[in-house]
Protein backbone atom coordinates (compact mmCIF):
# COMPACT_ATOMS: atom_id res chain seq x y z
CA UNK A 1 100.39 85.84 167.47
CA UNK A 2 100.62 85.56 163.69
CA UNK A 3 99.79 82.32 161.94
CA UNK A 4 102.60 80.75 159.97
CA UNK A 5 101.32 81.80 156.55
CA UNK A 6 100.91 85.37 157.78
CA UNK A 7 104.58 85.74 158.62
CA UNK A 8 106.50 88.03 156.33
CA UNK A 9 109.79 86.88 154.91
CA UNK A 10 111.57 89.39 157.14
CA UNK A 11 109.82 88.12 160.30
CA UNK A 12 110.56 84.52 159.38
CA UNK A 13 114.26 85.11 158.73
CA UNK A 14 114.59 86.99 162.03
CA UNK A 15 113.08 84.04 163.93
CA UNK A 16 115.38 81.62 162.11
CA UNK A 17 118.50 83.71 162.71
CA UNK A 18 117.72 84.10 166.41
CA UNK A 19 117.13 80.39 166.91
CA UNK A 20 113.55 81.07 168.02
CA UNK A 21 111.79 79.50 165.04
CA UNK A 22 111.39 76.10 166.69
CA UNK A 23 109.84 77.62 169.81
CA UNK A 24 107.51 79.74 167.70
CA UNK A 25 106.28 76.73 165.74
CA UNK A 26 105.79 74.63 168.88
CA UNK A 27 103.73 77.39 170.47
CA UNK A 28 101.45 77.41 167.44
CA UNK A 29 101.18 73.59 167.58
CA UNK A 30 101.70 73.33 163.86
CA UNK A 31 102.97 69.75 163.82
CA UNK A 32 99.84 68.40 162.15
CA UNK A 33 99.84 71.16 159.56
CA UNK A 34 103.44 70.45 158.59
CA UNK A 35 103.13 66.65 158.62
CA UNK A 36 102.64 64.60 155.47
CA UNK A 37 98.99 64.62 154.36
CA UNK A 38 96.97 61.58 155.44
CA UNK A 39 96.28 58.79 153.00
CA UNK A 40 93.94 55.82 152.90
CA UNK A 41 96.76 53.26 152.78
CA UNK A 42 100.29 52.89 154.03
CA UNK A 43 103.28 50.88 152.84
CA UNK A 44 105.62 49.46 155.48
CA UNK A 45 109.10 50.76 154.60
CA UNK A 46 111.25 48.24 156.44
CA UNK A 47 110.94 44.77 157.92
CA UNK A 48 109.91 44.47 161.56
CA UNK A 49 107.78 47.62 161.96
CA UNK A 50 105.83 47.27 165.19
CA UNK A 51 102.10 47.51 165.78
CA UNK A 52 101.21 48.58 169.34
CA UNK A 53 97.96 48.56 171.31
CA UNK A 54 98.34 52.32 171.95
CA UNK A 55 100.18 55.20 170.16
CA UNK A 56 103.27 54.90 172.36
CA UNK A 57 106.59 53.07 172.10
CA UNK A 58 106.10 51.79 175.67
CA UNK A 59 102.75 50.21 174.80
CA UNK A 60 102.33 46.47 174.26
CA UNK A 61 103.62 45.23 170.90
CA UNK A 62 100.99 43.07 169.24
CA UNK A 63 102.42 42.47 165.77
CA UNK A 64 105.35 43.09 163.43
CA UNK A 65 104.86 43.91 159.77
CA UNK A 66 106.98 42.76 156.86
CA UNK A 67 108.59 45.17 154.43
CA UNK A 68 106.30 46.41 151.62
CA UNK A 69 103.19 45.16 153.39
CA UNK A 70 100.26 47.47 152.62
CA UNK A 71 97.88 48.40 155.43
CA UNK A 72 94.66 50.40 155.60
CA UNK A 73 95.02 53.66 157.58
CA UNK A 74 91.86 54.08 159.66
CA UNK A 75 92.80 57.28 161.48
CA UNK A 76 95.66 59.64 162.29
CA UNK A 77 96.24 60.36 166.00
CA UNK A 78 98.79 62.05 168.23
CA UNK A 79 101.13 59.93 170.33
CA UNK A 80 104.79 59.63 171.29
CA UNK A 81 107.39 61.60 169.36
CA UNK A 82 109.59 59.47 167.13
CA UNK A 83 112.99 58.47 168.50
CA UNK A 84 115.13 61.55 167.88
CA UNK A 85 112.34 63.31 165.99
CA UNK A 86 110.66 66.00 168.12
CA UNK A 87 108.64 67.24 165.14
CA UNK A 88 106.54 64.18 164.43
CA UNK A 89 104.17 62.70 166.98
CA UNK A 90 101.70 61.36 164.42
CA UNK A 91 100.65 57.71 164.59
CA UNK A 92 98.41 55.72 162.27
CA UNK A 93 95.58 53.58 163.55
CA UNK A 94 95.86 50.31 161.66
CA UNK A 95 93.60 47.28 162.18
CA UNK A 96 93.40 46.84 165.95
CA UNK A 97 96.46 48.89 166.87
CA UNK A 98 98.77 51.81 166.17
CA UNK A 99 102.04 52.25 164.33
CA UNK A 100 104.36 55.25 164.09
CA UNK A 101 103.83 57.27 160.91
CA UNK A 102 107.54 57.75 160.22
CA UNK A 103 107.79 54.06 159.35
CA UNK A 104 104.87 54.08 156.91
CA UNK A 105 104.79 55.62 153.43
CA UNK A 106 101.33 57.10 152.76
CA UNK A 107 100.10 55.55 149.50
CA UNK A 108 97.01 55.07 147.36
CA UNK A 109 95.92 52.51 144.77
CA UNK A 110 94.79 54.35 141.63
CA UNK A 111 94.82 52.02 138.65
CA UNK A 112 95.12 53.77 135.29
CA UNK A 113 93.84 53.33 131.75
CA UNK A 114 96.56 52.76 129.17
CA UNK A 115 97.67 55.74 127.09
CA UNK A 116 98.96 54.43 123.78
CA UNK A 117 100.19 57.73 122.34
CA UNK A 118 103.65 58.13 123.90
CA UNK A 119 105.79 60.87 122.29
CA UNK A 120 108.88 59.81 120.34
CA UNK A 121 111.20 61.36 122.94
CA UNK A 122 109.33 59.65 125.77
CA UNK A 123 107.12 60.86 128.59
CA UNK A 124 107.40 60.98 132.36
CA UNK A 125 105.41 58.36 134.26
CA UNK A 126 104.50 58.15 137.95
CA UNK A 127 103.78 54.98 139.94
CA UNK A 128 100.25 55.18 141.42
CA UNK A 129 100.06 51.89 143.36
CA UNK A 130 101.92 51.01 146.58
CA UNK A 131 104.35 48.57 144.89
CA UNK A 132 104.85 47.60 141.24
CA UNK A 133 107.17 44.87 140.03
CA UNK A 134 109.17 45.45 136.86
CA UNK A 135 109.95 42.72 134.33
CA UNK A 136 113.03 42.28 132.16
CA UNK A 137 110.81 41.44 129.18
CA UNK A 138 107.17 42.35 128.41
CA UNK A 139 105.64 39.14 129.71
CA UNK A 140 103.83 38.34 132.95
CA UNK A 141 106.16 35.43 133.73
CA UNK A 142 109.39 37.12 132.63
CA UNK A 143 112.20 37.53 135.15
CA UNK A 144 111.63 40.30 137.66
CA UNK A 145 113.65 43.50 137.74
CA UNK A 146 113.55 45.89 140.70
CA UNK A 147 110.45 47.06 142.52
CA UNK A 148 108.98 50.49 141.92
CA UNK A 149 107.21 52.41 144.67
CA UNK A 150 104.32 54.82 144.93
CA UNK A 151 105.27 58.33 143.88
CA UNK A 152 108.47 57.32 142.10
CA UNK A 153 108.89 58.62 138.55
CA UNK A 154 110.35 56.96 135.47
CA UNK A 155 110.99 57.78 131.82
CA UNK A 156 108.53 55.93 129.55
CA UNK A 157 109.85 55.21 126.08
CA UNK A 158 106.93 53.39 124.46
CA UNK A 159 103.92 51.11 124.88
CA UNK A 160 104.34 47.40 124.25
CA UNK A 161 101.36 45.11 123.60
CA UNK A 162 102.07 41.39 124.05
CA UNK A 163 99.33 39.78 122.01
CA UNK A 164 100.09 36.18 123.02
CA UNK A 165 99.01 36.85 126.61
CA UNK A 166 97.02 40.05 125.98
CA UNK A 167 99.16 42.15 128.33
CA UNK A 168 100.14 45.80 127.95
CA UNK A 169 103.35 47.37 129.25
CA UNK A 170 105.17 50.65 129.44
CA UNK A 171 108.80 50.29 128.50
CA UNK A 172 110.87 52.42 130.89
CA UNK A 173 114.54 53.26 130.68
CA UNK A 174 116.94 53.63 133.62
CA UNK A 175 119.69 56.03 132.57
CA UNK A 176 122.02 54.99 135.41
CA UNK A 177 121.74 51.26 134.76
CA UNK A 178 121.54 51.80 130.98
CA UNK A 179 118.83 49.20 131.00
CA UNK A 180 115.20 48.77 129.91
CA UNK A 181 112.42 47.46 132.15
CA UNK A 182 108.71 46.84 131.70
CA UNK A 183 105.92 47.90 134.05
CA UNK A 184 102.18 47.27 133.83
CA UNK A 185 100.42 50.28 132.32
CA UNK A 186 97.72 49.98 134.98
CA UNK A 187 100.24 50.85 137.69
CA UNK A 188 101.62 54.01 136.11
CA UNK A 189 100.16 57.43 135.31
CA UNK A 190 101.68 59.36 132.44
CA UNK A 191 102.27 62.90 133.66
CA UNK A 192 100.63 65.47 131.35
CA UNK A 193 102.68 68.41 130.08
CA UNK A 194 100.66 70.97 132.03
CA UNK A 195 101.84 69.39 135.30
CA UNK A 196 105.44 70.22 134.34
CA UNK A 197 105.00 73.91 133.60
CA UNK A 198 106.55 76.69 135.68
CA UNK A 199 104.48 77.79 138.68
CA UNK A 200 104.10 81.52 139.36
CA UNK A 201 105.66 82.45 136.00
CA UNK A 202 104.86 86.15 136.52
CA UNK A 203 106.94 86.33 139.71
CA UNK A 204 110.47 87.54 138.98
CA UNK A 205 113.48 85.34 139.70
CA UNK A 206 114.68 87.90 142.23
CA UNK A 207 111.45 87.53 144.24
CA UNK A 208 111.56 83.72 144.53
CA UNK A 209 113.55 82.45 147.50
CA UNK A 210 113.82 79.13 149.40
CA UNK A 211 114.94 79.05 153.02
CA UNK A 212 116.04 75.80 154.71
CA UNK A 213 116.27 75.90 158.50
CA UNK A 214 118.22 72.81 159.58
CA UNK A 215 117.49 73.30 163.29
CA UNK A 216 113.75 72.94 162.73
CA UNK A 217 113.98 70.81 159.55
CA UNK A 218 111.80 73.33 157.75
CA UNK A 219 111.74 74.30 154.07
CA UNK A 220 109.97 77.56 153.32
CA UNK A 221 109.44 79.29 149.99
CA UNK A 222 108.69 82.97 149.49
CA UNK A 223 107.46 85.14 146.67
CA UNK A 224 108.71 88.53 147.75
CA UNK A 225 107.45 88.89 151.34
CA UNK A 226 104.70 86.29 150.92
CA UNK A 227 105.14 82.73 152.13
CA UNK A 228 103.85 80.23 149.56
CA UNK A 229 105.11 76.94 151.07
CA UNK A 230 106.32 75.62 154.40
CA UNK A 231 107.02 71.92 154.99
CA UNK A 232 109.06 69.62 157.19
CA UNK A 233 112.03 67.94 155.57
CA UNK A 234 114.76 65.45 156.38
CA UNK A 235 118.20 66.92 155.77
CA UNK A 236 121.61 65.26 155.90
CA UNK A 237 122.37 63.00 158.86
CA UNK A 238 125.56 63.15 160.92
CA UNK A 239 128.56 62.55 158.68
CA UNK A 240 126.64 63.51 155.53
CA UNK A 241 125.27 66.87 156.62
CA UNK A 242 123.55 69.20 154.17
CA UNK A 243 125.97 72.05 153.39
CA UNK A 244 125.07 75.49 154.68
CA UNK A 245 125.29 78.58 152.52
CA UNK A 246 123.79 80.33 149.50
CA UNK A 247 122.99 78.26 146.41
CA UNK A 248 121.01 78.13 143.16
CA UNK A 249 118.79 75.33 141.83
CA UNK A 250 120.79 75.25 138.63
CA UNK A 251 120.26 71.64 137.52
CA UNK A 252 117.07 69.61 137.66
CA UNK A 253 115.46 66.39 136.52
CA UNK A 254 111.99 64.90 137.12
CA UNK A 255 113.36 61.37 137.67
CA UNK A 256 116.85 60.47 138.88
CA UNK A 257 118.35 57.10 139.85
CA UNK A 258 120.24 58.06 143.01
CA UNK A 259 123.02 55.86 144.37
CA UNK A 260 126.42 56.08 146.02
CA UNK A 261 127.50 52.70 144.68
CA UNK A 262 131.07 52.78 143.51
CA UNK A 263 132.26 55.48 145.92
CA UNK A 264 130.94 54.24 149.25
CA UNK A 265 132.20 51.39 151.43
CA UNK A 266 129.18 51.34 153.71
CA UNK A 267 125.69 52.86 153.98
CA UNK A 268 125.13 52.19 150.29
CA UNK A 269 121.82 53.34 148.87
CA UNK A 270 120.31 52.50 145.50
CA UNK A 271 117.12 54.41 144.71
CA UNK A 272 115.65 54.28 141.20
CA UNK A 273 113.09 56.84 140.12
CA UNK A 274 113.65 59.51 142.77
CA UNK A 275 111.04 62.13 141.82
CA UNK A 276 111.19 65.89 141.32
CA UNK A 277 114.90 66.58 141.83
CA UNK A 278 116.03 70.20 142.07
CA UNK A 279 119.80 70.12 142.67
CA UNK A 280 121.50 73.06 144.35
CA UNK A 281 125.13 71.84 144.57
CA UNK A 282 127.57 70.13 142.25
CA UNK A 283 127.97 67.24 144.72
CA UNK A 284 124.42 65.97 144.28
CA UNK A 285 122.52 67.69 147.09
CA UNK A 286 118.94 68.31 145.97
CA UNK A 287 115.37 68.86 147.01
CA UNK A 288 113.50 65.71 146.01
CA UNK A 289 110.54 63.50 146.73
CA UNK A 290 110.99 60.52 149.03
CA UNK A 291 109.33 57.10 148.89
CA UNK A 292 111.53 55.17 151.35
CA UNK A 293 110.42 56.89 154.57
CA UNK A 294 107.86 59.28 156.05
CA UNK A 295 110.11 60.51 158.84
CA UNK A 296 110.26 64.25 158.14
CA UNK A 297 111.63 66.39 160.95
CA UNK A 298 114.66 64.14 161.55
CA UNK A 299 118.03 64.53 159.72
CA UNK A 300 118.48 61.20 157.97
CA UNK A 301 119.55 61.75 154.35
CA UNK A 302 122.97 61.60 152.69
CA UNK A 303 122.95 65.39 152.28
CA UNK A 304 119.82 65.98 150.24
CA UNK A 305 116.61 67.63 151.41
CA UNK A 306 114.05 64.81 151.57
CA UNK A 307 110.46 65.99 151.09
CA UNK A 308 107.04 64.42 150.54
CA UNK A 309 106.67 63.95 146.80
CA UNK A 310 103.91 66.54 146.31
CA UNK A 311 105.99 69.14 148.17
CA UNK A 312 109.06 68.29 146.10
CA UNK A 313 106.94 68.58 142.97
CA UNK A 314 105.97 72.12 143.95
CA UNK A 315 109.63 73.05 144.49
CA UNK A 316 110.55 71.43 141.16
CA UNK A 317 107.88 73.28 139.21
CA UNK A 318 108.27 76.59 141.05
CA UNK A 319 112.04 76.93 140.66
CA UNK A 320 114.22 77.76 137.67
CA UNK A 321 115.52 76.45 135.34
CA UNK A 322 112.38 75.06 133.74
CA UNK A 323 112.73 71.52 132.39
CA UNK A 324 110.73 70.97 129.16
CA UNK A 325 108.29 68.01 129.24
CA UNK A 326 110.30 66.00 126.70
CA UNK A 327 113.66 66.51 128.47
CA UNK A 328 114.89 64.37 131.37
CA UNK A 329 117.56 66.72 132.76
CA UNK A 330 118.67 70.36 132.49
CA UNK A 331 122.02 71.77 133.65
CA UNK A 332 122.41 75.56 133.54
CA UNK A 333 125.24 76.83 135.80
CA UNK A 334 124.56 80.34 137.01
CA UNK A 335 120.82 80.01 136.51
CA UNK A 336 118.21 78.92 139.04
CA UNK A 337 116.26 80.02 142.10
CA UNK A 338 118.07 81.22 145.20
CA UNK A 339 118.37 78.83 148.15
CA UNK A 340 119.66 79.66 151.62
CA UNK A 341 120.54 76.83 154.02
CA UNK A 342 121.19 77.85 157.64
């Protein structure tokens, strides 16, 4: 039997169309390969996450974590599938117990040196610690703004040095809120221009193709007949399903404040700094990175294709149109890379 990355585009599409893709993947036992990569730390994504004495929901509960608590991940093991998620049976060994990986955002702590030379038009920055508080003014004891999370991206306007308390800040701007915030420079990495360039530039637009299989929650990218990416996703949940059909990634931005405030009565979400957004509809559906869960394989979004941030970054860089490093959003109707959602 062929390994996943040896499948041709034709073989893959046949399996998807016949409904046999899920069976094929289960036979290959590719769950670990398609899961989010392990990390040394994890951030608890909601209050009340349980720690068990074994990797099973029927095991004895020994502790409950608070939201945004950071834990050390000692090992990754197989256990019970997540409730309603047949594609993720990965658990994290934490302290003296186990917790389900879907509840934990894999994170790292990678403090940065300050870069003082920020371009006039600004530069993209990425949070590289589990949680970073923003301030409404560039002072340690200034009022707090919202929290920023590992992997989220934000538009840095300038560096601010507060000499009275010898603190250094990046001034970031939220285009949705029309508001400025300040974040410690040690918690943010400025993304160099070469990390925003087009991947596989010599491959023609006609040969690049993204296939989304909703039944198996699988995003797969091809260059001609060659598979170059395959990853689990979280598509739209019931009532906010991801639309099926043929699309183009015709508008993109490296950092978007996503919210349905103002047009939703319930299930309101408010997510600043959503990274690596490649939109494929005019209603806001996009491929993008996700910092608020690690539950790939289960439909749970408001229509978008949730992906681990590094996977979303690949999609963002690999697809057209290309967004220049000093631009925060590009909208080119009729342009883009082809997407098929089935």
